[in-house]
Amino acid sequence: MKIGILTSGGDCPGLNAVIRGFAKYAYENIKNVQLVGIADGYGGLIHNEFRLMKEQDFVGILNVGGTILGTSRQPFKLMTVEDDNSVTRLDLMKQNYKKMGLDCLLTLGGAGTHKTAALLSAEGCNVIGLPKTIDNDIWGTDVTFGFHSAVDIATECIDRIHSTAASHGRTMLVELMGNKAGWLTLYAGLGGGADVILIPEIPFSADKVAKVIEKKADAGKAFCIIAIAEGAMTIEESKMKKRERLEKRGGDVTATAALAKHIAEKAGVETRVVVPGHIQRGGSPSAYDRVLSTEFGSFAGRLVKEGRFGVTVAMVNGKVTYNALADIAGKAKLVPPDAQEVLTAESIGIYMGR
């Protein structure tokens, strides 16, 4: 059996651990297996760039960050757009799937990756997805690999900001990743002891945030920490299109800088913005993610052995299972306003923007 593996979209800790978990299962349980590493995500499948992997290629990568296969972003909206020769990227991927002689394909990625995987599955390719994203926003799974590692990193960042914020008596705004989903900011904010947590799903009032900071300052709190997702927006901005939001922010992609300035003016405190950025994606996976990734990878191997395709691996109520790609593609798991973590935060005095 010849099995292709690709990693698509943004990198995150745990990709190599999943690849290793699958490979170890495959070599132990599937006869005459050949594993094909496809370079740079769907880009490699489009351009027919691959290499036959050896068993030793999967040794020593459990704790290695990033992906040994390379990755790239291939916008889903372009997959079915015809070029000058009336050929789409989807056409090329199907052709190269056959040229490589693949019996099935593993796709490790987030929401966009899963939508493309569903397309390939609908076109007759044997595909199994694996849910990767630090945003934790894949529908149908309680957790994605990479999320907990990113939470650990983001929380440590907030921990370190506490000391410098306290030393200078500043309000520090820590902008964390999460354009549409606020799970990472919510968990890191709770874990890091933030005073305010702002996420995309709950639009905020800048005036109310400033009043919260002012009230804490009047009560003798020398510093404050605000955990804000890159996709957070004011109530006014939530009613605008993306282009209109950018114009309102004077070209700034996020609302963080404007909020910092507003707080400084309204609350009379010194503010600073900290953006950890891609640090949240880098480095070794946490022990939790190493175990989760190994479970996901080996379970994908079991699905291959059973010939169960057109699905993606998931964790539901503590059990590793699977969902149909067609059922989860195009759906997002966002933070509901009544999420237990939101209610917990508000119950202990953390301001969530409402």
Protein backbone atom coordinates (compact mmCIF):
# COMPACT_ATOMS: atom_id res chain seq x y z
CA MET A 1 0.00 0.00 0.00
CA LYS A 2 1.32 3.43 -0.98
CA ILE A 3 0.29 6.27 1.33
CA GLY A 4 0.91 9.98 0.79
CA ILE A 5 1.35 12.40 3.68
CA LEU A 6 1.20 16.20 3.52
CA THR A 7 1.07 19.04 6.04
CA SER A 8 -0.81 22.13 4.92
CA GLY A 9 -1.46 25.64 6.23
CA GLY A 10 0.30 27.24 9.18
CA ASP A 11 2.80 25.11 11.06
CA CYS A 12 2.35 24.20 14.70
CA PRO A 13 3.89 21.93 17.35
CA GLY A 14 2.79 18.32 16.96
CA LEU A 15 2.88 17.89 13.18
CA ASN A 16 5.99 15.72 13.29
CA ALA A 17 4.62 13.78 16.26
CA VAL A 18 1.49 12.89 14.25
CA ILE A 19 3.59 11.89 11.22
CA ARG A 20 5.74 9.70 13.48
CA GLY A 21 2.71 8.12 15.19
CA PHE A 22 1.19 7.22 11.86
CA ALA A 23 4.44 5.91 10.42
CA LYS A 24 5.16 3.71 13.42
CA TYR A 25 1.67 2.22 13.24
CA ALA A 26 1.94 1.71 9.48
CA TYR A 27 5.28 -0.08 9.63
CA GLU A 28 4.03 -2.29 12.47
CA ASN A 29 0.59 -3.17 11.11
CA ILE A 30 0.29 -2.65 7.33
CA LYS A 31 2.01 -5.10 4.99
CA ASN A 32 4.27 -3.82 2.22
CA VAL A 33 3.58 -0.20 3.15
CA GLN A 34 5.28 2.67 1.36
CA LEU A 35 5.07 6.19 2.75
CA VAL A 36 5.37 9.15 0.41
CA GLY A 37 6.23 12.58 1.81
CA ILE A 38 4.61 15.33 -0.24
CA ALA A 39 6.49 18.63 -0.09
CA ASP A 40 4.97 21.90 1.10
CA GLY A 41 1.37 20.86 1.57
CA TYR A 42 -1.09 20.94 -1.31
CA GLY A 43 1.55 22.88 -3.25
CA GLY A 44 3.55 19.66 -3.55
CA LEU A 45 0.49 17.74 -4.67
CA ILE A 46 -0.23 20.40 -7.29
CA HIS A 47 3.34 20.42 -8.61
CA ASN A 48 4.04 16.68 -8.14
CA GLU A 49 6.83 17.22 -5.61
CA PHE A 50 7.36 14.23 -3.34
CA ARG A 51 9.87 11.71 -2.03
CA LEU A 52 9.67 8.13 -0.90
CA MET A 53 10.26 8.07 2.84
CA LYS A 54 12.36 5.57 4.77
CA GLU A 55 11.66 4.24 8.24
CA GLN A 56 14.67 6.12 9.62
CA ASP A 57 13.13 9.42 8.44
CA PHE A 58 10.63 9.15 11.28
CA VAL A 59 13.16 8.58 14.06
CA GLY A 60 13.83 11.37 16.57
CA ILE A 61 11.04 13.72 15.46
CA LEU A 62 8.54 13.29 18.31
CA ASN A 63 9.70 16.46 20.07
CA VAL A 64 10.68 18.45 16.97
CA GLY A 65 8.58 21.50 16.11
CA GLY A 66 7.46 22.47 12.63
CA THR A 67 7.14 19.84 9.90
CA ILE A 68 9.78 17.72 8.20
CA LEU A 69 7.69 17.81 5.02
CA GLY A 70 7.37 21.58 4.73
CA THR A 71 4.08 23.44 4.41
CA SER A 72 2.38 26.24 2.51
CA ARG A 73 -0.96 27.95 2.28
CA GLN A 74 -3.11 27.23 -0.77
CA PRO A 75 -6.33 29.29 -0.60
CA PHE A 76 -9.39 27.08 -0.87
CA LYS A 77 -11.21 29.59 -3.07
CA LEU A 78 -8.54 29.08 -5.79
CA MET A 79 -8.78 25.28 -5.90
CA THR A 80 -11.52 25.18 -8.52
CA VAL A 81 -10.47 28.27 -10.52
CA GLU A 82 -9.40 27.38 -14.08
CA ASP A 83 -6.07 28.55 -15.49
CA ASP A 84 -5.45 29.54 -19.11
CA ASN A 85 -5.62 25.87 -20.10
CA SER A 86 -8.97 25.33 -18.34
CA VAL A 87 -7.22 23.24 -15.67
CA THR A 88 -7.84 23.77 -11.96
CA ARG A 89 -5.55 23.08 -9.02
CA LEU A 90 -8.02 20.39 -8.00
CA ASP A 91 -7.54 18.76 -11.42
CA LEU A 92 -3.76 18.79 -10.97
CA MET A 93 -3.99 17.31 -7.49
CA LYS A 94 -6.18 14.46 -8.73
CA GLN A 95 -3.80 13.80 -11.62
CA ASN A 96 -0.74 13.76 -9.37
CA TYR A 97 -2.49 11.57 -6.80
CA LYS A 98 -2.77 8.99 -9.59
CA LYS A 99 0.73 9.64 -10.96
CA MET A 100 2.23 9.02 -7.52
CA GLY A 101 0.32 5.74 -7.43
CA LEU A 102 -1.25 6.57 -4.07
CA ASP A 103 -3.76 4.27 -2.42
CA CYS A 104 -4.65 6.99 0.06
CA LEU A 105 -3.61 10.44 1.26
CA LEU A 106 -3.22 11.86 4.78
CA THR A 107 -3.79 15.60 5.10
CA LEU A 108 -2.67 17.31 8.30
CA GLY A 109 -4.14 20.78 8.60
CA GLY A 110 -6.78 23.22 9.72
CA ALA A 111 -10.11 24.45 8.38
CA GLY A 112 -8.94 25.28 4.85
CA THR A 113 -7.01 22.03 4.60
CA HIS A 114 -10.10 20.05 5.56
CA LYS A 115 -12.26 21.82 2.97
CA THR A 116 -9.79 20.89 0.25
CA ALA A 117 -9.54 17.34 1.63
CA ALA A 118 -13.33 17.07 1.34
CA LEU A 119 -13.08 18.20 -2.30
CA LEU A 120 -10.48 15.54 -3.08
CA SER A 121 -12.57 12.92 -1.31
CA ALA A 122 -15.65 13.89 -3.32
CA GLU A 123 -13.56 13.50 -6.49
CA GLY A 124 -12.72 9.89 -5.66
CA CYS A 125 -9.40 10.16 -3.80
CA ASN A 126 -9.02 8.16 -0.59
CA VAL A 127 -8.37 10.85 2.02
CA ILE A 128 -8.02 10.93 5.80
CA GLY A 129 -7.73 14.27 7.59
CA LEU A 130 -5.98 15.09 10.86
CA PRO A 131 -7.08 18.22 12.80
CA LYS A 132 -4.18 20.63 13.27
CA THR A 133 -4.49 24.22 14.43
CA ILE A 134 -3.48 26.39 17.36
CA ASP A 135 -6.93 28.02 17.04
CA ASN A 136 -8.75 24.85 18.16
CA ASP A 137 -11.59 25.73 15.79
CA ILE A 138 -12.10 22.50 13.83
CA TRP A 139 -15.73 21.41 14.01
CA GLY A 140 -16.49 18.04 15.59
CA THR A 141 -13.38 17.58 17.74
CA ASP A 142 -12.94 18.66 21.34
CA VAL A 143 -9.31 19.52 20.72
CA THR A 144 -6.84 19.92 17.86
CA PHE A 145 -3.17 19.06 18.10
CA GLY A 146 -0.98 22.14 18.49
CA PHE A 147 -3.53 24.02 20.57
CA HIS A 148 -2.27 23.09 24.02
CA SER A 149 1.34 23.81 23.09
CA ALA A 150 0.34 27.27 21.86
CA VAL A 151 -1.64 27.86 25.06
CA ASP A 152 1.43 26.98 27.12
CA ILE A 153 3.59 29.40 25.13
CA ALA A 154 1.03 32.23 25.22
CA THR A 155 0.46 31.73 28.94
CA GLU A 156 4.19 31.88 29.63
CA CYS A 157 4.34 35.12 27.64
CA ILE A 158 1.62 36.62 29.85
CA ASP A 159 3.44 35.33 32.94
CA ARG A 160 6.57 37.18 31.89
CA ILE A 161 4.64 40.35 31.12
CA HIS A 162 3.32 40.44 34.69
CA SER A 163 6.71 41.31 36.17
CA THR A 164 7.54 44.14 33.78
CA ALA A 165 3.98 45.50 33.97
CA ALA A 166 4.17 45.53 37.76
CA SER A 167 7.61 47.14 37.79
CA HIS A 168 6.46 50.08 35.65
CA GLY A 169 2.83 50.28 36.71
CA ARG A 170 1.62 49.82 33.14
CA THR A 171 -1.39 48.30 31.44
CA MET A 172 -0.02 45.75 29.00
CA LEU A 173 -2.02 44.49 26.03
CA VAL A 174 -0.83 41.05 24.89
CA GLU A 175 -2.08 40.36 21.37
CA LEU A 176 -2.43 36.64 20.73
CA MET A 177 -3.21 34.68 17.59
CA GLY A 178 -6.81 33.93 16.68
CA ASN A 179 -8.42 35.79 13.81
CA LYS A 180 -11.91 34.28 14.08
CA ALA A 181 -11.76 31.98 17.08
CA GLY A 182 -10.78 33.08 20.57
CA TRP A 183 -9.98 29.76 22.22
CA LEU A 184 -6.24 30.43 22.46
CA THR A 185 -6.67 33.89 23.98
CA LEU A 186 -9.40 32.66 26.33
CA TYR A 187 -7.31 29.79 27.70
CA ALA A 188 -4.08 31.80 27.90
CA GLY A 189 -5.89 34.71 29.50
CA LEU A 190 -7.36 32.44 32.16
CA GLY A 191 -4.08 30.58 32.66
CA GLY A 192 -2.05 33.78 32.78
CA GLY A 193 -4.31 35.68 35.16
CA ALA A 194 -5.34 38.46 32.77
CA ASP A 195 -7.65 41.22 34.03
CA VAL A 196 -9.39 41.55 30.66
CA ILE A 197 -9.86 38.97 27.89
CA LEU A 198 -11.10 40.11 24.48
CA ILE A 199 -11.98 37.58 21.77
CA PRO A 200 -13.51 37.82 18.27
CA GLU A 201 -16.77 36.16 19.31
CA ILE A 202 -17.62 38.85 21.90
CA PRO A 203 -17.31 42.41 20.48
CA PHE A 204 -16.23 44.93 23.11
CA SER A 205 -16.75 48.56 24.01
CA ALA A 206 -13.45 50.45 24.20
CA ASP A 207 -15.00 52.88 26.68
CA LYS A 208 -16.04 50.04 28.98
CA VAL A 209 -12.58 48.48 28.83
CA ALA A 210 -11.07 51.84 29.76
CA LYS A 211 -13.50 52.18 32.67
CA VAL A 212 -12.54 48.72 33.93
CA ILE A 213 -8.86 49.68 33.89
CA GLU A 214 -9.58 53.03 35.51
CA LYS A 215 -11.62 51.36 38.24
CA LYS A 216 -8.85 48.89 39.00
CA ALA A 217 -6.30 51.74 39.13
CA ASP A 218 -8.53 53.69 41.54
CA ALA A 219 -8.79 50.57 43.71
CA GLY A 220 -4.99 50.52 44.02
CA LYS A 221 -4.06 47.98 41.36
CA ALA A 222 -0.76 49.26 39.97
CA PHE A 223 -0.89 47.36 36.69
CA CYS A 224 -3.28 45.43 34.44
CA ILE A 225 -2.96 42.72 31.81
CA ILE A 226 -5.24 42.55 28.79
CA ALA A 227 -5.20 39.38 26.66
CA ILE A 228 -6.61 40.34 23.27
CA ALA A 229 -7.03 38.14 20.20
CA GLU A 230 -5.81 39.52 16.88
CA GLY A 231 -9.37 39.18 15.58
CA ALA A 232 -11.03 41.02 18.47
CA MET A 233 -13.13 44.00 17.44
CA THR A 234 -15.30 46.71 18.94
CA ILE A 235 -19.07 46.54 18.77
CA GLU A 236 -18.97 49.21 16.08
CA GLU A 237 -16.35 47.31 14.05
CA SER A 238 -18.32 44.06 14.27
CA LYS A 239 -20.95 45.64 12.04
CA MET A 240 -18.40 46.61 9.38
CA LYS A 241 -16.80 44.78 6.50
CA LYS A 242 -13.07 44.00 6.74
CA ARG A 243 -12.13 46.86 4.42
CA GLU A 244 -14.14 49.33 6.50
CA ARG A 245 -12.48 48.13 9.70
CA LEU A 246 -9.04 48.67 8.21
CA GLU A 247 -9.98 52.20 7.15
CA LYS A 248 -11.30 52.95 10.63
CA ARG A 249 -8.06 51.70 12.19
CA GLY A 250 -5.93 53.80 9.87
CA GLY A 251 -4.43 50.75 8.21
CA ASP A 252 -3.71 48.77 11.40
CA VAL A 253 -4.75 45.16 10.93
CA THR A 254 -5.85 44.65 14.54
CA ALA A 255 -7.71 46.72 17.09
CA THR A 256 -4.97 46.45 19.72
CA ALA A 257 -3.00 49.65 19.08
CA ALA A 258 -6.15 51.80 18.95
CA LEU A 259 -7.42 50.24 22.18
CA ALA A 260 -4.09 50.87 23.93
CA LYS A 261 -4.23 54.54 22.92
CA HIS A 262 -7.87 54.83 24.00
CA ILE A 263 -7.15 53.33 27.43
CA ALA A 264 -4.21 55.66 27.96
CA GLU A 265 -6.32 58.70 27.15
CA LYS A 266 -9.48 57.70 29.04
CA ALA A 267 -8.02 55.92 32.07
CA GLY A 268 -4.86 58.02 32.42
CA VAL A 269 -2.54 55.02 32.58
CA GLU A 270 0.59 54.12 30.63
CA THR A 271 0.00 51.35 28.08
CA ARG A 272 2.21 49.04 26.03
CA VAL A 273 1.42 46.47 23.33
CA VAL A 274 3.17 43.09 23.15
CA VAL A 275 2.74 40.80 20.12
CA PRO A 276 4.30 37.32 20.57
CA GLY A 277 3.32 36.46 16.99
CA HIS A 278 4.80 33.30 15.49
CA ILE A 279 6.52 32.40 18.75
CA GLN A 280 3.15 30.80 19.57
CA ARG A 281 3.61 28.40 16.66
CA GLY A 282 7.24 27.50 17.23
CA GLY A 283 9.26 25.06 19.27
CA SER A 284 8.65 21.61 20.69
CA PRO A 285 5.15 20.30 21.34
CA SER A 286 4.04 19.97 24.94
CA ALA A 287 3.84 16.54 26.54
CA TYR A 288 0.05 16.70 26.13
CA ASP A 289 0.35 17.36 22.40
CA ARG A 290 2.96 14.64 21.96
CA VAL A 291 0.56 12.09 23.44
CA LEU A 292 -2.46 13.47 21.56
CA SER A 293 -0.55 13.56 18.27
CA THR A 294 0.65 9.98 18.73
CA GLU A 295 -2.92 8.87 19.43
CA PHE A 296 -4.24 10.73 16.39
CA GLY A 297 -1.49 9.43 14.10
CA SER A 298 -1.84 5.81 15.15
CA PHE A 299 -5.64 6.01 14.89
CA ALA A 300 -5.28 7.34 11.33
CA GLY A 301 -3.16 4.26 10.63
CA ARG A 302 -5.96 2.08 11.90
CA LEU A 303 -8.44 3.85 9.62
CA VAL A 304 -6.14 3.19 6.65
CA LYS A 305 -5.84 -0.48 7.56
CA GLU A 306 -9.63 -0.75 7.78
CA GLY A 307 -10.08 1.07 4.47
CA ARG A 308 -12.15 3.82 6.07
CA PHE A 309 -11.64 6.97 3.99
CA GLY A 310 -13.34 10.32 3.53
CA VAL A 311 -13.04 11.00 7.24
CA THR A 312 -11.02 13.07 9.69
CA VAL A 313 -9.71 12.03 13.09
CA ALA A 314 -11.31 13.65 16.16
CA MET A 315 -11.36 13.58 19.95
CA VAL A 316 -14.87 13.46 21.41
CA ASN A 317 -15.49 13.12 25.15
CA GLY A 318 -11.98 11.81 25.70
CA LYS A 319 -12.20 9.14 23.00
CA VAL A 320 -10.38 9.19 19.66
CA THR A 321 -12.89 8.74 16.84
CA TYR A 322 -13.62 10.19 13.41
CA ASN A 323 -16.05 12.42 11.50
CA ALA A 324 -16.97 12.46 7.84
CA LEU A 325 -15.03 15.14 5.96
CA ALA A 326 -18.24 16.20 4.23
CA ASP A 327 -19.87 16.83 7.63
CA ILE A 328 -17.19 19.10 9.08
CA ALA A 329 -15.73 20.90 6.05
CA GLY A 330 -16.62 24.58 6.03
CA LYS A 331 -17.81 24.60 9.65
CA ALA A 332 -15.99 26.35 12.48
CA LYS A 333 -16.00 25.70 16.23
CA LEU A 334 -16.11 29.19 17.72
CA VAL A 335 -16.32 30.19 21.38
CA PRO A 336 -20.02 30.32 22.36
CA PRO A 337 -20.98 33.27 24.58
CA ASP A 338 -22.07 30.84 27.30
CA ALA A 339 -18.94 28.67 27.14
CA GLN A 340 -17.91 27.38 30.56
CA GLU A 341 -14.54 29.14 30.26
CA VAL A 342 -16.24 32.48 29.52
CA LEU A 343 -18.60 32.11 32.47
CA THR A 344 -15.71 31.07 34.72
CA ALA A 345 -13.69 34.12 33.70
CA GLU A 346 -16.57 36.49 34.38
CA SER A 347 -17.37 34.80 37.68
CA ILE A 348 -13.89 35.68 39.04
CA GLY A 349 -13.96 39.26 37.86
CA ILE A 350 -12.24 39.01 34.48
CA TYR A 351 -13.84 41.46 32.04
CA MET A 352 -14.78 39.72 28.77
CA GLY A 353 -15.93 42.81 26.92
CA ARG A 354 -19.66 42.65 27.60
